[in-house]
Structures are given as structure tokens and as C-alpha cells.
PDB file of N, CA and C in Angstrom:
ATOM      1  N   UNK A   1      28.531  28.739   7.486  1.00  0.00           N
ATOM      2  CA  UNK A   1      27.131  28.592   7.826  1.00  0.00           C
ATOM      3  C   UNK A   1      26.305  29.751   7.290  1.00  0.00           C
ATOM      4  N   UNK A   2      26.849  30.938   7.268  1.00  0.00           N
ATOM      5  CA  UNK A   2      26.114  32.083   6.745  1.00  0.00           C
ATOM      6  C   UNK A   2      25.814  31.933   5.262  1.00  0.00           C
ATOM      7  N   UNK A   3      26.666  31.200   4.539  1.00  0.00           N
ATOM      8  CA  UNK A   3      26.435  31.013   3.109  1.00  0.00           C
ATOM      9  C   UNK A   3      25.164  30.230   2.828  1.00  0.00           C
ATOM     10  N   UNK A   4      24.715  29.396   3.749  1.00  0.00           N
ATOM     11  CA  UNK A   4      23.514  28.603   3.507  1.00  0.00           C
ATOM     12  C   UNK A   4      22.234  29.391   3.764  1.00  0.00           C
ATOM     13  N   UNK A   5      22.294  30.495   4.483  1.00  0.00           N
ATOM     14  CA  UNK A   5      21.095  31.248   4.803  1.00  0.00           C
ATOM     15  C   UNK A   5      20.381  31.780   3.564  1.00  0.00           C
ATOM     16  N   UNK A   6      21.050  32.419   2.606  1.00  0.00           N
ATOM     17  CA  UNK A   6      20.329  32.896   1.417  1.00  0.00           C
ATOM     18  C   UNK A   6      19.663  31.762   0.650  1.00  0.00           C
ATOM     19  N   UNK A   7      20.257  30.576   0.642  1.00  0.00           N
ATOM     20  CA  UNK A   7      19.647  29.458  -0.050  1.00  0.00           C
ATOM     21  C   UNK A   7      18.326  29.080   0.609  1.00  0.00           C
ATOM     22  N   UNK A   8      18.270  29.125   1.929  1.00  0.00           N
ATOM     23  CA  UNK A   8      17.013  28.838   2.622  1.00  0.00           C
ATOM     24  C   UNK A   8      15.946  29.845   2.217  1.00  0.00           C
ATOM     25  N   UNK A   9      16.319  31.101   2.069  1.00  0.00           N
ATOM     26  CA  UNK A   9      15.377  32.123   1.628  1.00  0.00           C
ATOM     27  C   UNK A   9      14.892  31.835   0.207  1.00  0.00           C
ATOM     28  N   UNK A  10      15.799  31.409  -0.675  1.00  0.00           N
ATOM     29  CA  UNK A  10      15.406  31.080  -2.033  1.00  0.00           C
ATOM     30  C   UNK A  10      14.451  29.896  -2.046  1.00  0.00           C
ATOM     31  N   UNK A  11      14.694  28.924  -1.180  1.00  0.00           N
ATOM     32  CA  UNK A  11      13.828  27.768  -1.090  1.00  0.00           C
ATOM     33  C   UNK A  11      12.416  28.195  -0.735  1.00  0.00           C
ATOM     34  N   UNK A  12      12.271  28.990   0.283  1.00  0.00           N
ATOM     35  CA  UNK A  12      10.951  29.466   0.681  1.00  0.00           C
ATOM     36  C   UNK A  12      10.323  30.273  -0.432  1.00  0.00           C
ATOM     37  N   UNK A  13      11.089  31.103  -1.052  1.00  0.00           N
ATOM     38  CA  UNK A  13      10.569  31.977  -2.086  1.00  0.00           C
ATOM     39  C   UNK A  13      10.027  31.180  -3.272  1.00  0.00           C
ATOM     40  N   UNK A  14      10.763  30.189  -3.732  1.00  0.00           N
ATOM     41  CA  UNK A  14      10.320  29.433  -4.906  1.00  0.00           C
ATOM     42  C   UNK A  14       9.062  28.622  -4.610  1.00  0.00           C
ATOM     43  N   UNK A  15       8.950  28.069  -3.436  1.00  0.00           N
ATOM     44  CA  UNK A  15       7.736  27.343  -3.058  1.00  0.00           C
ATOM     45  C   UNK A  15       6.579  28.331  -2.923  1.00  0.00           C
ATOM     46  N   UNK A  16       6.833  29.460  -2.273  1.00  0.00           N
ATOM     47  CA  UNK A  16       5.780  30.464  -2.118  1.00  0.00           C
ATOM     48  C   UNK A  16       5.327  31.018  -3.464  1.00  0.00           C
ATOM     49  N   UNK A  17       6.263  31.221  -4.376  1.00  0.00           N
ATOM     50  CA  UNK A  17       5.888  31.714  -5.704  1.00  0.00           C
ATOM     51  C   UNK A  17       4.990  30.713  -6.424  1.00  0.00           C
ATOM     52  N   UNK A  18       5.323  29.445  -6.339  1.00  0.00           N
ATOM     53  CA  UNK A  18       4.499  28.406  -6.969  1.00  0.00           C
ATOM     54  C   UNK A  18       3.126  28.338  -6.301  1.00  0.00           C
ATOM     55  N   UNK A  19       3.081  28.468  -4.987  1.00  0.00           N
ATOM     56  CA  UNK A  19       1.805  28.456  -4.259  1.00  0.00           C
ATOM     57  C   UNK A  19       0.987  29.698  -4.605  1.00  0.00           C
ATOM     58  N   UNK A  20       1.645  30.839  -4.723  1.00  0.00           N
ATOM     59  CA  UNK A  20       0.941  32.070  -5.106  1.00  0.00           C
ATOM     60  C   UNK A  20       0.320  31.935  -6.487  1.00  0.00           C
ATOM     61  N   UNK A  21       1.041  31.295  -7.402  1.00  0.00           N
ATOM     62  CA  UNK A  21       0.520  31.094  -8.757  1.00  0.00           C
ATOM     63  C   UNK A  21      -0.713  30.200  -8.726  1.00  0.00           C
ATOM     64  N   UNK A  22      -0.675  29.143  -7.918  1.00  0.00           N
ATOM     65  CA  UNK A  22      -1.839  28.268  -7.800  1.00  0.00           C
ATOM     66  C   UNK A  22      -3.010  29.027  -7.177  1.00  0.00           C
ATOM     67  N   UNK A  23      -2.752  29.815  -6.158  1.00  0.00           N
ATOM     68  CA  UNK A  23      -3.817  30.605  -5.527  1.00  0.00           C
ATOM     69  C   UNK A  23      -4.454  31.547  -6.546  1.00  0.00           C
ATOM     70  N   UNK A  24      -3.632  32.157  -7.393  1.00  0.00           N
ATOM     71  CA  UNK A  24      -4.161  33.065  -8.414  1.00  0.00           C
ATOM     72  C   UNK A  24      -5.095  32.329  -9.373  1.00  0.00           C
ATOM     73  N   UNK A  25      -4.702  31.124  -9.762  1.00  0.00           N
ATOM     74  CA  UNK A  25      -5.548  30.323 -10.657  1.00  0.00           C
ATOM     75  C   UNK A  25      -6.837  29.935  -9.944  1.00  0.00           C
ATOM     76  N   UNK A  26      -6.732  29.481  -8.710  1.00  0.00           N
ATOM     77  CA  UNK A  26      -7.922  29.072  -7.969  1.00  0.00           C
ATOM     78  C   UNK A  26      -8.875  30.242  -7.750  1.00  0.00           C
ATOM     79  N   UNK A  27      -8.335  31.416  -7.545  1.00  0.00           N
ATOM     80  CA  UNK A  27      -9.177  32.589  -7.320  1.00  0.00           C
ATOM     81  C   UNK A  27      -9.957  33.013  -8.555  1.00  0.00           C
ATOM     82  N   UNK A  28      -9.599  32.504  -9.729  1.00  0.00           N
ATOM     83  CA  UNK A  28     -10.365  32.816 -10.940  1.00  0.00           C
ATOM     84  C   UNK A  28     -11.564  31.887 -11.100  1.00  0.00           C
ATOM     85  N   UNK A  29     -11.610  30.825 -10.302  1.00  0.00           N
ATOM     86  CA  UNK A  29     -12.706  29.861 -10.384  1.00  0.00           C
ATOM     87  C   UNK A  29     -13.910  30.356  -9.602  1.00  0.00           C
ATOM     88  N   UNK A  30     -15.095  29.879  -9.969  1.00  0.00           N
ATOM     89  CA  UNK A  30     -16.276  30.235  -9.172  1.00  0.00           C
ATOM     90  C   UNK A  30     -16.118  29.731  -7.732  1.00  0.00           C
ATOM     91  N   UNK A  31     -16.539  30.544  -6.801  1.00  0.00           N
ATOM     92  CA  UNK A  31     -16.432  30.157  -5.388  1.00  0.00           C
ATOM     93  C   UNK A  31     -17.340  28.967  -5.102  1.00  0.00           C
ATOM     94  N   UNK A  32     -16.771  27.981  -4.450  1.00  0.00           N
ATOM     95  CA  UNK A  32     -17.542  26.861  -3.926  1.00  0.00           C
ATOM     96  C   UNK A  32     -16.741  26.256  -2.769  1.00  0.00           C
ATOM     97  N   UNK A  33     -17.327  25.291  -2.105  1.00  0.00           N
ATOM     98  CA  UNK A  33     -16.702  24.720  -0.910  1.00  0.00           C
ATOM     99  C   UNK A  33     -15.347  24.088  -1.217  1.00  0.00           C
ATOM    100  N   UNK A  34     -15.254  23.371  -2.322  1.00  0.00           N
ATOM    101  CA  UNK A  34     -14.010  22.682  -2.672  1.00  0.00           C
ATOM    102  C   UNK A  34     -12.888  23.672  -2.990  1.00  0.00           C
ATOM    103  N   UNK A  35     -13.208  24.720  -3.761  1.00  0.00           N
ATOM    104  CA  UNK A  35     -12.206  25.733  -4.071  1.00  0.00           C
ATOM    105  C   UNK A  35     -11.747  26.455  -2.808  1.00  0.00           C
ATOM    106  N   UNK A  36     -12.712  26.814  -1.948  1.00  0.00           N
ATOM    107  CA  UNK A  36     -12.363  27.506  -0.703  1.00  0.00           C
ATOM    108  C   UNK A  36     -11.500  26.630   0.203  1.00  0.00           C
ATOM    109  N   UNK A  37     -11.777  25.332   0.214  1.00  0.00           N
ATOM    110  CA  UNK A  37     -10.969  24.406   1.008  1.00  0.00           C
ATOM    111  C   UNK A  37      -9.544  24.341   0.456  1.00  0.00           C
ATOM    112  N   UNK A  38      -9.413  24.312  -0.855  1.00  0.00           N
ATOM    113  CA  UNK A  38      -8.080  24.287  -1.471  1.00  0.00           C
ATOM    114  C   UNK A  38      -7.310  25.561  -1.138  1.00  0.00           C
ATOM    115  N   UNK A  39      -7.965  26.705  -1.210  1.00  0.00           N
ATOM    116  CA  UNK A  39      -7.301  27.970  -0.878  1.00  0.00           C
ATOM    117  C   UNK A  39      -6.888  28.012   0.591  1.00  0.00           C
ATOM    118  N   UNK A  40      -7.739  27.500   1.461  1.00  0.00           N
ATOM    119  CA  UNK A  40      -7.419  27.452   2.886  1.00  0.00           C
ATOM    120  C   UNK A  40      -6.166  26.615   3.130  1.00  0.00           C
ATOM    121  N   UNK A  41      -6.147  25.408   2.570  1.00  0.00           N
ATOM    122  CA  UNK A  41      -5.003  24.514   2.785  1.00  0.00           C
ATOM    123  C   UNK A  41      -3.753  25.016   2.061  1.00  0.00           C
ATOM    124  N   UNK A  42      -3.919  25.741   0.985  1.00  0.00           N
ATOM    125  CA  UNK A  42      -2.781  26.350   0.310  1.00  0.00           C
ATOM    126  C   UNK A  42      -2.149  27.414   1.210  1.00  0.00           C
ATOM    127  N   UNK A  43      -2.992  28.183   1.885  1.00  0.00           N
ATOM    128  CA  UNK A  43      -2.473  29.165   2.845  1.00  0.00           C
ATOM    129  C   UNK A  43      -1.762  28.463   3.994  1.00  0.00           C
ATOM    130  N   UNK A  44      -2.332  27.368   4.483  1.00  0.00           N
ATOM    131  CA  UNK A  44      -1.696  26.588   5.556  1.00  0.00           C
ATOM    132  C   UNK A  44      -0.354  26.035   5.075  1.00  0.00           C
ATOM    133  N   UNK A  45      -0.287  25.626   3.828  1.00  0.00           N
ATOM    134  CA  UNK A  45       0.960  25.126   3.255  1.00  0.00           C
ATOM    135  C   UNK A  45       2.035  26.209   3.296  1.00  0.00           C
ATOM    136  N   UNK A  46       1.684  27.402   2.879  1.00  0.00           N
ATOM    137  CA  UNK A  46       2.665  28.484   2.880  1.00  0.00           C
ATOM    138  C   UNK A  46       3.135  28.799   4.295  1.00  0.00           C
ATOM    139  N   UNK A  47       2.225  28.838   5.242  1.00  0.00           N
ATOM    140  CA  UNK A  47       2.617  29.083   6.631  1.00  0.00           C
ATOM    141  C   UNK A  47       3.522  27.970   7.149  1.00  0.00           C
ATOM    142  N   UNK A  48       3.221  26.744   6.793  1.00  0.00           N
ATOM    143  CA  UNK A  48       4.009  25.601   7.251  1.00  0.00           C
ATOM    144  C   UNK A  48       5.407  25.601   6.642  1.00  0.00           C
ATOM    145  N   UNK A  49       5.512  25.987   5.389  1.00  0.00           N
ATOM    146  CA  UNK A  49       6.826  26.086   4.745  1.00  0.00           C
ATOM    147  C   UNK A  49       7.645  27.162   5.447  1.00  0.00           C
ATOM    148  N   UNK A  50       7.026  28.300   5.708  1.00  0.00           N
ATOM    149  CA  UNK A  50       7.722  29.392   6.388  1.00  0.00           C
ATOM    150  C   UNK A  50       8.210  28.955   7.766  1.00  0.00           C
ATOM    151  N   UNK A  51       7.384  28.182   8.459  1.00  0.00           N
ATOM    152  CA  UNK A  51       7.727  27.722   9.810  1.00  0.00           C
ATOM    153  C   UNK A  51       8.617  26.483   9.803  1.00  0.00           C
ATOM    154  N   UNK A  52       8.925  25.951   8.630  1.00  0.00           N
ATOM    155  CA  UNK A  52       9.723  24.721   8.508  1.00  0.00           C
ATOM    156  C   UNK A  52       9.117  23.567   9.305  1.00  0.00           C
ATOM    157  N   UNK A  53       7.813  23.438   9.231  1.00  0.00           N
ATOM    158  CA  UNK A  53       7.091  22.380   9.940  1.00  0.00           C
ATOM    159  C   UNK A  53       6.754  21.276   8.934  1.00  0.00           C
ATOM    160  N   UNK A  54       7.625  20.308   8.840  1.00  0.00           N
ATOM    161  CA  UNK A  54       7.542  19.282   7.797  1.00  0.00           C
ATOM    162  C   UNK A  54       6.234  18.506   7.788  1.00  0.00           C
ATOM    163  N   UNK A  55       5.741  18.124   8.936  1.00  0.00           N
ATOM    164  CA  UNK A  55       4.504  17.347   8.975  1.00  0.00           C
ATOM    165  C   UNK A  55       3.314  18.182   8.502  1.00  0.00           C
ATOM    166  N   UNK A  56       3.280  19.449   8.890  1.00  0.00           N
ATOM    167  CA  UNK A  56       2.201  20.334   8.436  1.00  0.00           C
ATOM    168  C   UNK A  56       2.304  20.589   6.934  1.00  0.00           C
ATOM    169  N   UNK A  57       3.526  20.718   6.419  1.00  0.00           N
ATOM    170  CA  UNK A  57       3.721  20.870   4.975  1.00  0.00           C
ATOM    171  C   UNK A  57       3.180  19.638   4.265  1.00  0.00           C
ATOM    172  N   UNK A  58       3.517  18.475   4.761  1.00  0.00           N
ATOM    173  CA  UNK A  58       3.085  17.215   4.150  1.00  0.00           C
ATOM    174  C   UNK A  58       1.556  17.116   4.110  1.00  0.00           C
ATOM    175  N   UNK A  59       0.902  17.445   5.219  1.00  0.00           N
ATOM    176  CA  UNK A  59      -0.554  17.357   5.282  1.00  0.00           C
ATOM    177  C   UNK A  59      -1.213  18.355   4.337  1.00  0.00           C
ATOM    178  N   UNK A  60      -0.773  19.606   4.397  1.00  0.00           N
ATOM    179  CA  UNK A  60      -1.381  20.638   3.549  1.00  0.00           C
ATOM    180  C   UNK A  60      -1.124  20.361   2.073  1.00  0.00           C
ATOM    181  N   UNK A  61       0.094  19.955   1.732  1.00  0.00           N
ATOM    182  CA  UNK A  61       0.424  19.663   0.336  1.00  0.00           C
ATOM    183  C   UNK A  61      -0.404  18.488  -0.184  1.00  0.00           C
ATOM    184  N   UNK A  62      -0.535  17.453   0.623  1.00  0.00           N
ATOM    185  CA  UNK A  62      -1.340  16.297   0.228  1.00  0.00           C
ATOM    186  C   UNK A  62      -2.780  16.724  -0.033  1.00  0.00           C
ATOM    187  N   UNK A  63      -3.330  17.546   0.859  1.00  0.00           N
ATOM    188  CA  UNK A  63      -4.724  17.960   0.743  1.00  0.00           C
ATOM    189  C   UNK A  63      -4.949  18.817  -0.503  1.00  0.00           C
ATOM    190  N   UNK A  64      -4.086  19.798  -0.724  1.00  0.00           N
ATOM    191  CA  UNK A  64      -4.230  20.653  -1.915  1.00  0.00           C
ATOM    192  C   UNK A  64      -4.065  19.809  -3.170  1.00  0.00           C
ATOM    193  N   UNK A  65      -3.063  18.953  -3.189  1.00  0.00           N
ATOM    194  CA  UNK A  65      -2.822  18.088  -4.342  1.00  0.00           C
ATOM    195  C   UNK A  65      -4.052  17.233  -4.649  1.00  0.00           C
ATOM    196  N   UNK A  66      -4.643  16.646  -3.638  1.00  0.00           N
ATOM    197  CA  UNK A  66      -5.830  15.792  -3.830  1.00  0.00           C
ATOM    198  C   UNK A  66      -7.016  16.597  -4.347  1.00  0.00           C
ATOM    199  N   UNK A  67      -7.247  17.767  -3.778  1.00  0.00           N
ATOM    200  CA  UNK A  67      -8.369  18.593  -4.222  1.00  0.00           C
ATOM    201  C   UNK A  67      -8.214  18.996  -5.690  1.00  0.00           C
ATOM    202  N   UNK A  68      -7.012  19.373  -6.075  1.00  0.00           N
ATOM    203  CA  UNK A  68      -6.766  19.764  -7.464  1.00  0.00           C
ATOM    204  C   UNK A  68      -6.910  18.545  -8.380  1.00  0.00           C
ATOM    205  N   UNK A  69      -6.353  17.428  -7.966  1.00  0.00           N
ATOM    206  CA  UNK A  69      -6.458  16.209  -8.786  1.00  0.00           C
ATOM    207  C   UNK A  69      -7.908  15.769  -8.939  1.00  0.00           C
ATOM    208  N   UNK A  70      -8.661  15.815  -7.863  1.00  0.00           N
ATOM    209  CA  UNK A  70     -10.075  15.417  -7.915  1.00  0.00           C
ATOM    210  C   UNK A  70     -10.900  16.334  -8.816  1.00  0.00           C
ATOM    211  N   UNK A  71     -10.529  17.615  -8.872  1.00  0.00           N
ATOM    212  CA  UNK A  71     -11.255  18.566  -9.712  1.00  0.00           C
ATOM    213  C   UNK A  71     -10.972  18.320 -11.191  1.00  0.00           C
ATOM    214  N   UNK A  72      -9.785  17.817 -11.484  1.00  0.00           N
ATOM    215  CA  UNK A  72      -9.415  17.496 -12.862  1.00  0.00           C
ATOM    216  C   UNK A  72      -9.551  18.666 -13.813  1.00  0.00           C
ATOM    217  N   UNK A  73     -10.090  18.393 -14.977  1.00  0.00           N
ATOM    218  CA  UNK A  73     -10.204  19.396 -16.041  1.00  0.00           C
ATOM    219  C   UNK A  73     -11.149  20.533 -15.672  1.00  0.00           C
ATOM    220  N   UNK A  74     -12.033  20.313 -14.722  1.00  0.00           N
ATOM    221  CA  UNK A  74     -12.975  21.359 -14.319  1.00  0.00           C
ATOM    222  C   UNK A  74     -12.260  22.595 -13.788  1.00  0.00           C
ATOM    223  N   UNK A  75     -11.024  22.417 -13.283  1.00  0.00           N
ATOM    224  CA  UNK A  75     -10.257  23.543 -12.750  1.00  0.00           C
ATOM    225  C   UNK A  75      -9.197  24.025 -13.729  1.00  0.00           C
ATOM    226  N   UNK A  76      -9.344  23.664 -14.976  1.00  0.00           N
ATOM    227  CA  UNK A  76      -8.478  24.186 -16.032  1.00  0.00           C
ATOM    228  C   UNK A  76      -6.997  23.981 -15.769  1.00  0.00           C
ATOM    229  N   UNK A  77      -6.264  25.083 -15.797  1.00  0.00           N
ATOM    230  CA  UNK A  77      -4.809  25.014 -15.674  1.00  0.00           C
ATOM    231  C   UNK A  77      -4.321  24.733 -14.254  1.00  0.00           C
ATOM    232  N   UNK A  78      -5.216  24.599 -13.297  1.00  0.00           N
ATOM    233  CA  UNK A  78      -4.799  24.350 -11.914  1.00  0.00           C
ATOM    234  C   UNK A  78      -3.953  23.080 -11.808  1.00  0.00           C
ATOM    235  N   UNK A  79      -4.265  22.067 -12.589  1.00  0.00           N
ATOM    236  CA  UNK A  79      -3.486  20.834 -12.551  1.00  0.00           C
ATOM    237  C   UNK A  79      -2.038  21.035 -12.933  1.00  0.00           C
ATOM    238  N   UNK A  80      -1.801  21.790 -13.995  1.00  0.00           N
ATOM    239  CA  UNK A  80      -0.431  22.066 -14.438  1.00  0.00           C
ATOM    240  C   UNK A  80       0.301  22.944 -13.433  1.00  0.00           C
ATOM    241  N   UNK A  81      -0.403  23.892 -12.846  1.00  0.00           N
ATOM    242  CA  UNK A  81       0.209  24.773 -11.851  1.00  0.00           C
ATOM    243  C   UNK A  81       0.522  23.970 -10.586  1.00  0.00           C
ATOM    244  N   UNK A  82      -0.346  23.021 -10.235  1.00  0.00           N
ATOM    245  CA  UNK A  82      -0.085  22.139  -9.088  1.00  0.00           C
ATOM    246  C   UNK A  82       1.135  21.279  -9.370  1.00  0.00           C
ATOM    247  N   UNK A  83       1.325  20.849 -10.599  1.00  0.00           N
ATOM    248  CA  UNK A  83       2.523  20.082 -10.955  1.00  0.00           C
ATOM    249  C   UNK A  83       3.786  20.873 -10.621  1.00  0.00           C
ATOM    250  N   UNK A  84       3.774  22.153 -10.923  1.00  0.00           N
ATOM    251  CA  UNK A  84       4.929  23.013 -10.637  1.00  0.00           C
ATOM    252  C   UNK A  84       5.146  23.151  -9.129  1.00  0.00           C
ATOM    253  N   UNK A  85       4.052  23.342  -8.377  1.00  0.00           N
ATOM    254  CA  UNK A  85       4.165  23.441  -6.925  1.00  0.00           C
ATOM    255  C   UNK A  85       4.683  22.126  -6.347  1.00  0.00           C
ATOM    256  N   UNK A  86       4.165  21.019  -6.840  1.00  0.00           N
ATOM    257  CA  UNK A  86       4.620  19.699  -6.380  1.00  0.00           C
ATOM    258  C   UNK A  86       6.116  19.534  -6.652  1.00  0.00           C
ATOM    259  N   UNK A  87       6.565  19.947  -7.829  1.00  0.00           N
ATOM    260  CA  UNK A  87       7.985  19.839  -8.177  1.00  0.00           C
ATOM    261  C   UNK A  87       8.839  20.703  -7.253  1.00  0.00           C
ATOM    262  N   UNK A  88       8.385  21.909  -6.946  1.00  0.00           N
ATOM    263  CA  UNK A  88       9.121  22.783  -6.029  1.00  0.00           C
ATOM    264  C   UNK A  88       9.212  22.160  -4.644  1.00  0.00           C
ATOM    265  N   UNK A  89       8.104  21.628  -4.172  1.00  0.00           N
ATOM    266  CA  UNK A  89       8.110  20.992  -2.854  1.00  0.00           C
ATOM    267  C   UNK A  89       9.068  19.794  -2.824  1.00  0.00           C
ATOM    268  N   UNK A  90       8.990  18.946  -3.837  1.00  0.00           N
ATOM    269  CA  UNK A  90       9.863  17.766  -3.901  1.00  0.00           C
ATOM    270  C   UNK A  90      11.342  18.195  -4.003  1.00  0.00           C
ATOM    271  N   UNK A  91      11.602  19.229  -4.775  1.00  0.00           N
ATOM    272  CA  UNK A  91      12.975  19.701  -4.946  1.00  0.00           C
ATOM    273  C   UNK A  91      13.572  20.195  -3.623  1.00  0.00           C
ATOM    274  N   UNK A  92      12.701  20.557  -2.713  1.00  0.00           N
ATOM    275  CA  UNK A  92      13.163  21.076  -1.424  1.00  0.00           C
ATOM    276  C   UNK A  92      12.938  20.093  -0.276  1.00  0.00           C
ATOM    277  N   UNK A  93      12.785  18.812  -0.655  1.00  0.00           N
ATOM    278  CA  UNK A  93      12.759  17.755   0.344  1.00  0.00           C
ATOM    279  C   UNK A  93      11.430  17.459   0.985  1.00  0.00           C
ATOM    280  N   UNK A  94      10.345  17.973   0.422  1.00  0.00           N
ATOM    281  CA  UNK A  94       9.010  17.716   0.986  1.00  0.00           C
ATOM    282  C   UNK A  94       8.319  16.640   0.176  1.00  0.00           C
ATOM    283  N   UNK A  95       8.140  15.479   0.775  1.00  0.00           N
ATOM    284  CA  UNK A  95       7.428  14.379   0.125  1.00  0.00           C
ATOM    285  C   UNK A  95       6.070  14.229   0.763  1.00  0.00           C
ATOM    286  N   UNK A  96       5.083  13.917  -0.067  1.00  0.00           N
ATOM    287  CA  UNK A  96       3.733  13.727   0.455  1.00  0.00           C
ATOM    288  C   UNK A  96       2.991  12.731  -0.402  1.00  0.00           C
TER     289      UNK A  96
END
């Protein structure tokens, strides 16, 4: 059982790293309500992953994903960075 503990840490780390990268991209955008909402829900996503709260992860991930998708090309590389975060979440059993 102890052997699985480091893997759980790696899981959190890889999702958090992908979320941190998205936050960095979003923080380069001009401040507006939509960007601030995405950053808020991205923070909620990270807290939910840390707490292993699957329903909260699902809600926050869905919301961030939708905001980034709706922004489209206006948010530049955010779409590609969201793809990476989505892949990390899916790889760790989070569907939304």
C-alpha cells in the first residue's frame, strides 16, 4: 500500500502543473470578467484535486474548459494548454 502513495503525489503534481501553466497563460490576458472567472474556477479545480473531491473537480474542470473553448482564438494558446490539462485530468480518471 505504501508503494501507491508516491503515485498519488505524482498524479496531483501533474494536474497541478498543467493547471499552473493554464493560469500563467490566462494571467497574460487583459483582465475581464470571463478571464477572472476562469482563474477562479481553475483555483477551485486545483483545490478539488488536492482534496480528491471528484464532483467538485468535474464541475470546475467543465467550467474552465467551457470558458476557454468559448474564448477560442481570442485567448491564444490557452486552448492548447487547456488540451493538456484536459488530458491530465482524463489520464487520472476525471471525466467531465
